[in-house]
Amino acid sequence: MPEHFTILHSGEIDAIQWEQTLQKNSHSASIYMHAPYLDMLTDNWLAVVNHDYSIITAIPFKKKWNIPYAYTAPFVQATSIIGNTSTDDQKTIIAIIQKKLLYGTIALSNISPLAMGAVKTNFVLPLNHSYETLYAKYTSDLKHNINKAIKNELTYHNTNSIDDAMNLYISLNSSKTPHVQKEIYGRLKRYCEQNQTDYCIRSVKDSKGNLVAIALLLKKFNRIYNVLNSVTNEGRKLHANHWLFHKIIESFSNSNMTFDFEGSSIPGIRNFYKGFNPMEEQYTVSKFNLLPFPLSLLA
């Protein structure tokens, strides 16, 4: 029998049941479905649930001219349909969302069979192996660059400085990501400050003690997310980012964690990630417009 679904505003959900479903489905859950994270990092979000919350999904939305629309929020790569669903269930969920949100962009993992948008690739590396086993599967080019980094006398550090991670990232990337406003970084910082166990920061310094690479990592549902990674021009020459990721993987090896590289369509970054021999995951980005008038009228 097909499931019956209800669409709710985020404040209307049963938060306990929501999080219990994520815990029961930890293999497919992500921090992007964690209600407190969505509350902090999105302008608004809607939930679709069945009668007992065994199936849930979330969609960020905004409003323009008082018309709600779906959007992909910075630092929320993709939400998911969590639970045991059929293709018909998934189609029903999408239809419910699009009845409420008549246009916009939806990013969802695990719906690629629906063929409803562009399929994007994400890279993940299970860390339930020894460091030696993981290292053995690195590409020869990556191993070569790690050896160069060792000769450059780089040092690896655990740090709690959110400002160091954010300030370097913003200084290097703000022109490339103008859609990510300063206030959004503030939201991410507040989430980390209020959820101390959900993040960690790792950095690399050169032989003179200068910061040359840093990563702010989120942690949830046995997964480590590469959310903010930065490397200076000098750090690139020293292969500091190769060293940083290598040491992160080494430090979390032999654990039940999975490292999420946050896959990139930029060729250089994509090739860098692939050097660690990750697995591929897919998510779908779908743009739609069901408005009874041209979208240009909202401009």
C-alpha atoms as a PDB file:
ATOM      1  CA  MET A   1       0.000   0.000   0.000  1.00  0.00           C
ATOM      2  CA  PRO A   2       1.440   3.456  -0.930  1.00  0.00           C
ATOM      3  CA  GLU A   3       2.563   5.609   1.965  1.00  0.00           C
ATOM      4  CA  HIS A   4       0.611   8.714   2.985  1.00  0.00           C
ATOM      5  CA  PHE A   5       2.811  11.778   3.428  1.00  0.00           C
ATOM      6  CA  THR A   6       2.327  15.126   5.146  1.00  0.00           C
ATOM      7  CA  ILE A   7       4.281  18.329   4.504  1.00  0.00           C
ATOM      8  CA  LEU A   8       5.154  20.406   7.570  1.00  0.00           C
ATOM      9  CA  HIS A   9       7.010  23.565   8.422  1.00  0.00           C
ATOM     10  CA  SER A  10      10.173  22.816  10.363  1.00  0.00           C
ATOM     11  CA  GLY A  11       8.704  24.054  13.634  1.00  0.00           C
ATOM     12  CA  GLU A  12       5.820  21.589  13.340  1.00  0.00           C
ATOM     13  CA  ILE A  13       7.857  18.382  13.224  1.00  0.00           C
ATOM     14  CA  ASP A  14       8.195  15.943  16.098  1.00  0.00           C
ATOM     15  CA  ALA A  15      11.900  16.602  16.671  1.00  0.00           C
ATOM     16  CA  ILE A  16      12.404  13.461  18.760  1.00  0.00           C
ATOM     17  CA  GLN A  17      10.911  11.163  16.122  1.00  0.00           C
ATOM     18  CA  TRP A  18      12.850  12.991  13.405  1.00  0.00           C
ATOM     19  CA  GLU A  19      16.200  12.435  15.074  1.00  0.00           C
ATOM     20  CA  GLN A  20      15.318   8.850  16.003  1.00  0.00           C
ATOM     21  CA  THR A  21      14.739   8.112  12.317  1.00  0.00           C
ATOM     22  CA  LEU A  22      18.146   9.537  11.485  1.00  0.00           C
ATOM     23  CA  GLN A  23      19.780   7.408  14.184  1.00  0.00           C
ATOM     24  CA  LYS A  24      18.015   4.262  12.925  1.00  0.00           C
ATOM     25  CA  ASN A  25      19.204   5.036   9.387  1.00  0.00           C
ATOM     26  CA  SER A  26      22.689   6.252  10.296  1.00  0.00           C
ATOM     27  CA  HIS A  27      24.180   4.631   7.171  1.00  0.00           C
ATOM     28  CA  SER A  28      22.207   7.064   4.983  1.00  0.00           C
ATOM     29  CA  ALA A  29      21.699   9.951   7.426  1.00  0.00           C
ATOM     30  CA  SER A  30      23.739  13.128   7.116  1.00  0.00           C
ATOM     31  CA  ILE A  31      24.288  16.322   9.038  1.00  0.00           C
ATOM     32  CA  TYR A  32      22.289  18.002   6.255  1.00  0.00           C
ATOM     33  CA  MET A  33      19.194  16.247   7.615  1.00  0.00           C
ATOM     34  CA  HIS A  34      19.960  17.080  11.259  1.00  0.00           C
ATOM     35  CA  ALA A  35      17.165  19.451  12.350  1.00  0.00           C
ATOM     36  CA  PRO A  36      19.319  21.824  14.466  1.00  0.00           C
ATOM     37  CA  TYR A  37      21.776  22.162  11.571  1.00  0.00           C
ATOM     38  CA  LEU A  38      18.980  22.942   9.115  1.00  0.00           C
ATOM     39  CA  ASP A  39      17.471  25.413  11.593  1.00  0.00           C
ATOM     40  CA  MET A  40      20.776  27.275  11.780  1.00  0.00           C
ATOM     41  CA  LEU A  41      22.050  27.083   8.195  1.00  0.00           C
ATOM     42  CA  THR A  42      18.881  27.596   6.130  1.00  0.00           C
ATOM     43  CA  ASP A  43      16.474  30.518   5.902  1.00  0.00           C
ATOM     44  CA  ASN A  44      13.535  28.114   6.255  1.00  0.00           C
ATOM     45  CA  TRP A  45      12.889  24.447   5.580  1.00  0.00           C
ATOM     46  CA  LEU A  46       9.961  22.166   4.986  1.00  0.00           C
ATOM     47  CA  ALA A  47       9.655  18.533   6.085  1.00  0.00           C
ATOM     48  CA  VAL A  48       7.815  15.686   4.392  1.00  0.00           C
ATOM     49  CA  VAL A  49       6.993  12.772   6.725  1.00  0.00           C
ATOM     50  CA  ASN A  50       4.820   9.673   6.749  1.00  0.00           C
ATOM     51  CA  HIS A  51       2.540   8.714   9.646  1.00  0.00           C
ATOM     52  CA  ASP A  52       5.233   7.254  11.923  1.00  0.00           C
ATOM     53  CA  TYR A  53       8.272   9.234  10.731  1.00  0.00           C
ATOM     54  CA  SER A  54       9.902   6.113   9.320  1.00  0.00           C
ATOM     55  CA  ILE A  55      10.304   8.139   6.092  1.00  0.00           C
ATOM     56  CA  ILE A  56      11.426  11.760   6.220  1.00  0.00           C
ATOM     57  CA  THR A  57      12.939  14.397   3.985  1.00  0.00           C
ATOM     58  CA  ALA A  58      13.733  18.117   4.230  1.00  0.00           C
ATOM     59  CA  ILE A  59      13.811  20.912   1.643  1.00  0.00           C
ATOM     60  CA  PRO A  60      15.273  24.389   2.308  1.00  0.00           C
ATOM     61  CA  PHE A  61      13.189  27.293   1.018  1.00  0.00           C
ATOM     62  CA  LYS A  62      13.092  31.063   0.784  1.00  0.00           C
ATOM     63  CA  LYS A  63      10.453  33.570  -0.268  1.00  0.00           C
ATOM     64  CA  LYS A  64      10.476  36.126  -3.080  1.00  0.00           C
ATOM     65  CA  TRP A  65       7.499  38.459  -3.530  1.00  0.00           C
ATOM     66  CA  ASN A  66       5.879  36.265  -0.861  1.00  0.00           C
ATOM     67  CA  ILE A  67       6.193  33.215  -3.124  1.00  0.00           C
ATOM     68  CA  PRO A  68       8.083  30.329  -1.443  1.00  0.00           C
ATOM     69  CA  TYR A  69      10.741  28.608  -3.549  1.00  0.00           C
ATOM     70  CA  ALA A  70      13.233  25.803  -3.031  1.00  0.00           C
ATOM     71  CA  TYR A  71      16.929  26.656  -2.875  1.00  0.00           C
ATOM     72  CA  THR A  72      20.267  25.009  -2.184  1.00  0.00           C
ATOM     73  CA  ALA A  73      21.629  26.554   1.006  1.00  0.00           C
ATOM     74  CA  PRO A  74      25.364  27.173   1.412  1.00  0.00           C
ATOM     75  CA  PHE A  75      26.989  24.433   3.514  1.00  0.00           C
ATOM     76  CA  VAL A  76      24.020  22.115   2.862  1.00  0.00           C
ATOM     77  CA  GLN A  77      25.234  20.029  -0.059  1.00  0.00           C
ATOM     78  CA  ALA A  78      22.104  17.873  -0.394  1.00  0.00           C
ATOM     79  CA  THR A  79      19.304  16.649   1.827  1.00  0.00           C
ATOM     80  CA  SER A  80      17.947  13.092   1.535  1.00  0.00           C
ATOM     81  CA  ILE A  81      14.867  10.954   1.516  1.00  0.00           C
ATOM     82  CA  ILE A  82      15.532   8.833   4.589  1.00  0.00           C
ATOM     83  CA  GLY A  83      13.811   5.502   5.099  1.00  0.00           C
ATOM     84  CA  ASN A  84      12.678   2.513   3.061  1.00  0.00           C
ATOM     85  CA  THR A  85      10.965   4.042   0.029  1.00  0.00           C
ATOM     86  CA  SER A  86       9.792   2.784  -3.328  1.00  0.00           C
ATOM     87  CA  THR A  87      10.198   4.774  -6.523  1.00  0.00           C
ATOM     88  CA  ASP A  88       6.494   5.623  -6.302  1.00  0.00           C
ATOM     89  CA  ASP A  89       7.003   6.930  -2.736  1.00  0.00           C
ATOM     90  CA  GLN A  90       9.832   9.147  -3.947  1.00  0.00           C
ATOM     91  CA  LYS A  91       7.738  10.478  -6.830  1.00  0.00           C
ATOM     92  CA  THR A  92       4.910  11.233  -4.398  1.00  0.00           C
ATOM     93  CA  ILE A  93       7.268  13.105  -2.070  1.00  0.00           C
ATOM     94  CA  ILE A  94       8.644  15.204  -4.945  1.00  0.00           C
ATOM     95  CA  ALA A  95       5.106  15.967  -6.133  1.00  0.00           C
ATOM     96  CA  ILE A  96       4.100  17.118  -2.632  1.00  0.00           C
ATOM     97  CA  ILE A  97       7.139  19.394  -2.444  1.00  0.00           C
ATOM     98  CA  GLN A  98       6.505  20.883  -5.875  1.00  0.00           C
ATOM     99  CA  LYS A  99       2.868  21.544  -5.016  1.00  0.00           C
ATOM    100  CA  LYS A 100       4.049  23.678  -2.093  1.00  0.00           C
ATOM    101  CA  LEU A 101       7.157  25.167  -3.737  1.00  0.00           C
ATOM    102  CA  LEU A 102       6.366  25.983  -7.349  1.00  0.00           C
ATOM    103  CA  TYR A 103       9.902  26.756  -8.475  1.00  0.00           C
ATOM    104  CA  GLY A 104      13.512  26.611  -7.413  1.00  0.00           C
ATOM    105  CA  THR A 105      16.294  24.089  -7.013  1.00  0.00           C
ATOM    106  CA  ILE A 106      16.235  20.847  -5.036  1.00  0.00           C
ATOM    107  CA  ALA A 107      19.377  18.872  -4.158  1.00  0.00           C
ATOM    108  CA  LEU A 108      18.632  15.344  -2.944  1.00  0.00           C
ATOM    109  CA  SER A 109      20.770  12.266  -2.549  1.00  0.00           C
ATOM    110  CA  ASN A 110      19.557   8.739  -3.425  1.00  0.00           C
ATOM    111  CA  ILE A 111      16.969   9.759  -6.068  1.00  0.00           C
ATOM    112  CA  SER A 112      19.081   9.317  -9.219  1.00  0.00           C
ATOM    113  CA  PRO A 113      16.714   6.580 -10.583  1.00  0.00           C
ATOM    114  CA  LEU A 114      14.050   9.280 -10.941  1.00  0.00           C
ATOM    115  CA  ALA A 115      16.181  10.975 -13.639  1.00  0.00           C
ATOM    116  CA  MET A 116      14.796  14.376 -12.656  1.00  0.00           C
ATOM    117  CA  GLY A 117      17.923  16.526 -12.735  1.00  0.00           C
ATOM    118  CA  ALA A 118      21.693  16.749 -13.057  1.00  0.00           C
ATOM    119  CA  VAL A 119      23.525  13.955 -11.262  1.00  0.00           C
ATOM    120  CA  LYS A 120      26.520  15.192  -9.231  1.00  0.00           C
ATOM    121  CA  THR A 121      29.355  13.109  -7.799  1.00  0.00           C
ATOM    122  CA  ASN A 122      30.513  13.149  -4.209  1.00  0.00           C
ATOM    123  CA  PHE A 123      33.667  11.429  -2.937  1.00  0.00           C
ATOM    124  CA  VAL A 124      33.783   9.487   0.344  1.00  0.00           C
ATOM    125  CA  LEU A 125      36.437   7.331   1.983  1.00  0.00           C
ATOM    126  CA  PRO A 126      35.480   4.722   4.616  1.00  0.00           C
ATOM    127  CA  LEU A 127      38.070   4.843   7.402  1.00  0.00           C
ATOM    128  CA  ASN A 128      37.444   1.383   8.869  1.00  0.00           C
ATOM    129  CA  HIS A 129      40.862   0.213   7.728  1.00  0.00           C
ATOM    130  CA  SER A 130      44.395   0.631   9.003  1.00  0.00           C
ATOM    131  CA  TYR A 131      46.373   3.679   7.958  1.00  0.00           C
ATOM    132  CA  GLU A 132      48.757   1.398   6.049  1.00  0.00           C
ATOM    133  CA  THR A 133      45.894  -0.115   4.040  1.00  0.00           C
ATOM    134  CA  LEU A 134      44.447   3.292   3.179  1.00  0.00           C
ATOM    135  CA  TYR A 135      47.860   4.700   2.239  1.00  0.00           C
ATOM    136  CA  ALA A 136      48.631   1.747  -0.010  1.00  0.00           C
ATOM    137  CA  LYS A 137      45.660   2.698  -2.200  1.00  0.00           C
ATOM    138  CA  TYR A 138      46.751   6.303  -2.718  1.00  0.00           C
ATOM    139  CA  THR A 139      47.841   7.118  -6.264  1.00  0.00           C
ATOM    140  CA  SER A 140      51.580   7.242  -6.918  1.00  0.00           C
ATOM    141  CA  ASP A 141      51.295  10.954  -7.681  1.00  0.00           C
ATOM    142  CA  LEU A 142      49.708  11.636  -4.292  1.00  0.00           C
ATOM    143  CA  LYS A 143      52.386   9.600  -2.479  1.00  0.00           C
ATOM    144  CA  HIS A 144      55.031  11.573  -4.359  1.00  0.00           C
ATOM    145  CA  ASN A 145      53.527  14.885  -3.202  1.00  0.00           C
ATOM    146  CA  ILE A 146      53.234  13.649   0.392  1.00  0.00           C
ATOM    147  CA  ASN A 147      56.928  12.784   0.349  1.00  0.00           C
ATOM    148  CA  LYS A 148      57.673  16.295  -0.894  1.00  0.00           C
ATOM    149  CA  ALA A 149      55.589  17.719   1.953  1.00  0.00           C
ATOM    150  CA  ILE A 150      57.579  15.684   4.489  1.00  0.00           C
ATOM    151  CA  LYS A 151      60.818  17.188   3.180  1.00  0.00           C
ATOM    152  CA  ASN A 152      59.325  20.669   3.603  1.00  0.00           C
ATOM    153  CA  GLU A 153      59.146  20.154   7.404  1.00  0.00           C
ATOM    154  CA  LEU A 154      55.441  20.853   7.690  1.00  0.00           C
ATOM    155  CA  THR A 155      53.678  20.340  11.018  1.00  0.00           C
ATOM    156  CA  TYR A 156      50.128  19.108  11.603  1.00  0.00           C
ATOM    157  CA  HIS A 157      47.978  20.619  14.371  1.00  0.00           C
ATOM    158  CA  ASN A 158      44.663  20.096  16.181  1.00  0.00           C
ATOM    159  CA  THR A 159      43.118  23.501  16.818  1.00  0.00           C
ATOM    160  CA  ASN A 160      39.825  25.008  17.932  1.00  0.00           C
ATOM    161  CA  SER A 161      40.212  28.322  16.112  1.00  0.00           C
ATOM    162  CA  ILE A 162      37.054  28.691  14.035  1.00  0.00           C
ATOM    163  CA  ASP A 163      38.137  32.228  13.158  1.00  0.00           C
ATOM    164  CA  ASP A 164      41.418  31.003  11.635  1.00  0.00           C
ATOM    165  CA  ALA A 165      39.545  28.546   9.421  1.00  0.00           C
ATOM    166  CA  MET A 166      36.870  31.018   8.362  1.00  0.00           C
ATOM    167  CA  ASN A 167      39.077  34.065   7.904  1.00  0.00           C
ATOM    168  CA  LEU A 168      41.528  32.247   5.646  1.00  0.00           C
ATOM    169  CA  TYR A 169      38.720  30.658   3.642  1.00  0.00           C
ATOM    170  CA  ILE A 170      36.907  33.966   3.168  1.00  0.00           C
ATOM    171  CA  SER A 171      40.097  35.817   2.193  1.00  0.00           C
ATOM    172  CA  LEU A 172      40.909  33.210  -0.460  1.00  0.00           C
ATOM    173  CA  ASN A 173      37.434  32.333  -1.742  1.00  0.00           C
ATOM    174  CA  SER A 174      34.984  35.211  -1.213  1.00  0.00           C
ATOM    175  CA  SER A 175      35.383  36.427  -4.800  1.00  0.00           C
ATOM    176  CA  LYS A 176      34.654  32.890  -6.083  1.00  0.00           C
ATOM    177  CA  THR A 177      31.564  32.439  -3.901  1.00  0.00           C
ATOM    178  CA  PRO A 178      29.775  35.822  -3.837  1.00  0.00           C
ATOM    179  CA  HIS A 179      26.458  34.069  -3.071  1.00  0.00           C
ATOM    180  CA  VAL A 180      27.806  33.060   0.350  1.00  0.00           C
ATOM    181  CA  GLN A 181      27.281  36.195   2.388  1.00  0.00           C
ATOM    182  CA  LYS A 182      29.162  37.013   5.580  1.00  0.00           C
ATOM    183  CA  GLU A 183      26.051  36.294   7.633  1.00  0.00           C
ATOM    184  CA  ILE A 184      26.061  32.674   6.391  1.00  0.00           C
ATOM    185  CA  TYR A 185      29.561  32.128   7.759  1.00  0.00           C
ATOM    186  CA  GLY A 186      28.275  33.540  11.034  1.00  0.00           C
ATOM    187  CA  ARG A 187      25.546  30.908  11.107  1.00  0.00           C
ATOM    188  CA  LEU A 188      28.092  28.126  10.581  1.00  0.00           C
ATOM    189  CA  LYS A 189      30.263  29.554  13.330  1.00  0.00           C
ATOM    190  CA  ARG A 190      27.321  29.724  15.753  1.00  0.00           C
ATOM    191  CA  TYR A 191      26.390  26.130  14.979  1.00  0.00           C
ATOM    192  CA  CYS A 192      29.927  24.984  15.783  1.00  0.00           C
ATOM    193  CA  GLU A 193      30.063  27.041  18.975  1.00  0.00           C
ATOM    194  CA  GLN A 194      26.737  25.608  20.149  1.00  0.00           C
ATOM    195  CA  ASN A 195      27.573  22.023  19.119  1.00  0.00           C
ATOM    196  CA  GLN A 196      31.161  21.511  20.203  1.00  0.00           C
ATOM    197  CA  THR A 197      31.210  17.768  19.502  1.00  0.00           C
ATOM    198  CA  ASP A 198      30.020  18.280  15.917  1.00  0.00           C
ATOM    199  CA  TYR A 199      33.170  19.869  14.556  1.00  0.00           C
ATOM    200  CA  CYS A 200      36.955  19.807  14.645  1.00  0.00           C
ATOM    201  CA  ILE A 201      39.687  21.842  12.973  1.00  0.00           C
ATOM    202  CA  ARG A 202      43.009  20.601  11.624  1.00  0.00           C
ATOM    203  CA  SER A 203      45.763  22.799  10.245  1.00  0.00           C
ATOM    204  CA  VAL A 204      49.258  22.702   8.751  1.00  0.00           C
ATOM    205  CA  LYS A 205      52.049  25.185   9.411  1.00  0.00           C
ATOM    206  CA  ASP A 206      55.332  25.657   7.604  1.00  0.00           C
ATOM    207  CA  SER A 207      58.784  25.425   9.192  1.00  0.00           C
ATOM    208  CA  LYS A 208      58.472  29.071  10.343  1.00  0.00           C
ATOM    209  CA  GLY A 209      55.118  28.517  12.043  1.00  0.00           C
ATOM    210  CA  ASN A 210      52.998  30.198   9.361  1.00  0.00           C
ATOM    211  CA  LEU A 211      49.529  28.811   8.708  1.00  0.00           C
ATOM    212  CA  VAL A 212      49.516  27.375   5.179  1.00  0.00           C
ATOM    213  CA  ALA A 213      46.483  25.043   5.143  1.00  0.00           C
ATOM    214  CA  ILE A 214      43.445  24.477   7.341  1.00  0.00           C
ATOM    215  CA  ALA A 215      40.170  22.538   7.322  1.00  0.00           C
ATOM    216  CA  LEU A 216      37.013  22.976   9.374  1.00  0.00           C
ATOM    217  CA  LEU A 217      35.397  19.539   9.562  1.00  0.00           C
ATOM    218  CA  LEU A 218      31.874  18.735  10.696  1.00  0.00           C
ATOM    219  CA  LYS A 219      31.147  15.386  12.369  1.00  0.00           C
ATOM    220  CA  LYS A 220      27.781  13.626  12.531  1.00  0.00           C
ATOM    221  CA  PHE A 221      26.326  10.146  11.997  1.00  0.00           C
ATOM    222  CA  ASN A 222      29.760   8.491  11.701  1.00  0.00           C
ATOM    223  CA  ARG A 223      30.798  10.867   8.948  1.00  0.00           C
ATOM    224  CA  ILE A 224      33.406  13.634   8.753  1.00  0.00           C
ATOM    225  CA  TYR A 225      32.535  16.455   6.347  1.00  0.00           C
ATOM    226  CA  ASN A 226      35.151  18.588   4.618  1.00  0.00           C
ATOM    227  CA  VAL A 227      33.189  21.841   4.860  1.00  0.00           C
ATOM    228  CA  LEU A 228      35.829  24.608   4.766  1.00  0.00           C
ATOM    229  CA  ASN A 229      39.277  23.824   3.383  1.00  0.00           C
ATOM    230  CA  SER A 230      41.846  26.462   2.494  1.00  0.00           C
ATOM    231  CA  VAL A 231      45.455  26.447   1.352  1.00  0.00           C
ATOM    232  CA  THR A 232      47.604  29.527   0.764  1.00  0.00           C
ATOM    233  CA  ASN A 233      49.697  30.072  -2.356  1.00  0.00           C
ATOM    234  CA  GLU A 234      52.800  29.252  -0.339  1.00  0.00           C
ATOM    235  CA  GLY A 235      51.042  26.172   1.000  1.00  0.00           C
ATOM    236  CA  ARG A 236      50.394  24.953  -2.537  1.00  0.00           C
ATOM    237  CA  LYS A 237      54.115  25.135  -3.278  1.00  0.00           C
ATOM    238  CA  LEU A 238      54.816  23.114  -0.127  1.00  0.00           C
ATOM    239  CA  HIS A 239      52.075  20.521  -0.867  1.00  0.00           C
ATOM    240  CA  ALA A 240      50.468  21.477   2.440  1.00  0.00           C
ATOM    241  CA  ASN A 241      46.970  20.358   1.482  1.00  0.00           C
ATOM    242  CA  HIS A 242      48.216  16.903   0.476  1.00  0.00           C
ATOM    243  CA  TRP A 243      49.828  16.650   3.886  1.00  0.00           C
ATOM    244  CA  LEU A 244      46.742  17.984   5.683  1.00  0.00           C
ATOM    245  CA  PHE A 245      44.305  15.479   4.170  1.00  0.00           C
ATOM    246  CA  HIS A 246      46.791  12.646   4.520  1.00  0.00           C
ATOM    247  CA  LYS A 247      47.202  13.366   8.252  1.00  0.00           C
ATOM    248  CA  ILE A 248      43.447  13.736   8.787  1.00  0.00           C
ATOM    249  CA  ILE A 249      42.878  10.326   7.193  1.00  0.00           C
ATOM    250  CA  GLU A 250      45.704   8.826   9.212  1.00  0.00           C
ATOM    251  CA  SER A 251      44.371  10.228  12.499  1.00  0.00           C
ATOM    252  CA  PHE A 252      40.836   8.879  11.935  1.00  0.00           C
ATOM    253  CA  SER A 253      41.873   5.532  10.423  1.00  0.00           C
ATOM    254  CA  ASN A 254      40.727   2.300  12.092  1.00  0.00           C
ATOM    255  CA  SER A 255      37.448   3.953  13.066  1.00  0.00           C
ATOM    256  CA  ASN A 256      33.809   3.589  12.064  1.00  0.00           C
ATOM    257  CA  MET A 257      33.920   7.025  10.415  1.00  0.00           C
ATOM    258  CA  THR A 258      33.666   7.901   6.724  1.00  0.00           C
ATOM    259  CA  PHE A 259      35.502  10.913   5.355  1.00  0.00           C
ATOM    260  CA  ASP A 260      33.305  13.012   3.049  1.00  0.00           C
ATOM    261  CA  PHE A 261      35.451  15.076   0.678  1.00  0.00           C
ATOM    262  CA  GLU A 262      32.393  17.080  -0.477  1.00  0.00           C
ATOM    263  CA  GLY A 263      32.974  16.237  -4.158  1.00  0.00           C
ATOM    264  CA  SER A 264      33.804  19.016  -6.586  1.00  0.00           C
ATOM    265  CA  SER A 265      33.166  19.578 -10.291  1.00  0.00           C
ATOM    266  CA  ILE A 266      36.339  21.694 -10.483  1.00  0.00           C
ATOM    267  CA  PRO A 267      38.852  19.433 -12.315  1.00  0.00           C
ATOM    268  CA  GLY A 268      41.883  20.257 -10.159  1.00  0.00           C
ATOM    269  CA  ILE A 269      40.043  19.676  -6.868  1.00  0.00           C
ATOM    270  CA  ARG A 270      38.324  16.586  -8.251  1.00  0.00           C
ATOM    271  CA  ASN A 271      41.666  15.058  -9.278  1.00  0.00           C
ATOM    272  CA  PHE A 272      43.161  15.924  -5.883  1.00  0.00           C
ATOM    273  CA  TYR A 273      40.376  14.059  -4.072  1.00  0.00           C
ATOM    274  CA  LYS A 274      40.587  11.088  -6.427  1.00  0.00           C
ATOM    275  CA  GLY A 275      44.213  10.623  -5.432  1.00  0.00           C
ATOM    276  CA  PHE A 276      43.016   9.218  -2.087  1.00  0.00           C
ATOM    277  CA  ASN A 277      41.089   6.440  -3.888  1.00  0.00           C
ATOM    278  CA  PRO A 278      37.644   7.410  -2.558  1.00  0.00           C
ATOM    279  CA  MET A 279      34.319   5.816  -3.382  1.00  0.00           C
ATOM    280  CA  GLU A 280      31.737   7.734  -5.404  1.00  0.00           C
ATOM    281  CA  GLU A 281      28.280   8.732  -4.197  1.00  0.00           C
ATOM    282  CA  GLN A 282      25.712  10.563  -6.238  1.00  0.00           C
ATOM    283  CA  TYR A 283      23.143  13.239  -5.566  1.00  0.00           C
ATOM    284  CA  THR A 284      20.703  14.974  -7.894  1.00  0.00           C
ATOM    285  CA  VAL A 285      20.249  18.699  -8.430  1.00  0.00           C
ATOM    286  CA  SER A 286      16.892  19.509 -10.018  1.00  0.00           C
ATOM    287  CA  LYS A 287      15.744  22.928 -11.213  1.00  0.00           C
ATOM    288  CA  PHE A 288      12.042  23.370 -11.863  1.00  0.00           C
ATOM    289  CA  ASN A 289       9.460  26.061 -12.575  1.00  0.00           C
ATOM    290  CA  LEU A 290       5.745  25.306 -12.251  1.00  0.00           C
ATOM    291  CA  LEU A 291       4.669  28.920 -11.929  1.00  0.00           C
ATOM    292  CA  PRO A 292       1.720  30.005 -14.122  1.00  0.00           C
ATOM    293  CA  PHE A 293       3.810  32.940 -15.370  1.00  0.00           C
ATOM    294  CA  PRO A 294       7.429  33.447 -16.545  1.00  0.00           C
ATOM    295  CA  LEU A 295      10.044  33.391 -13.810  1.00  0.00           C
ATOM    296  CA  SER A 296      11.459  36.656 -15.194  1.00  0.00           C
ATOM    297  CA  LEU A 297       8.459  38.501 -13.765  1.00  0.00           C
ATOM    298  CA  LEU A 298       9.874  37.871 -10.276  1.00  0.00           C
ATOM    299  CA  ALA A 299      13.159  39.615 -11.087  1.00  0.00           C
END
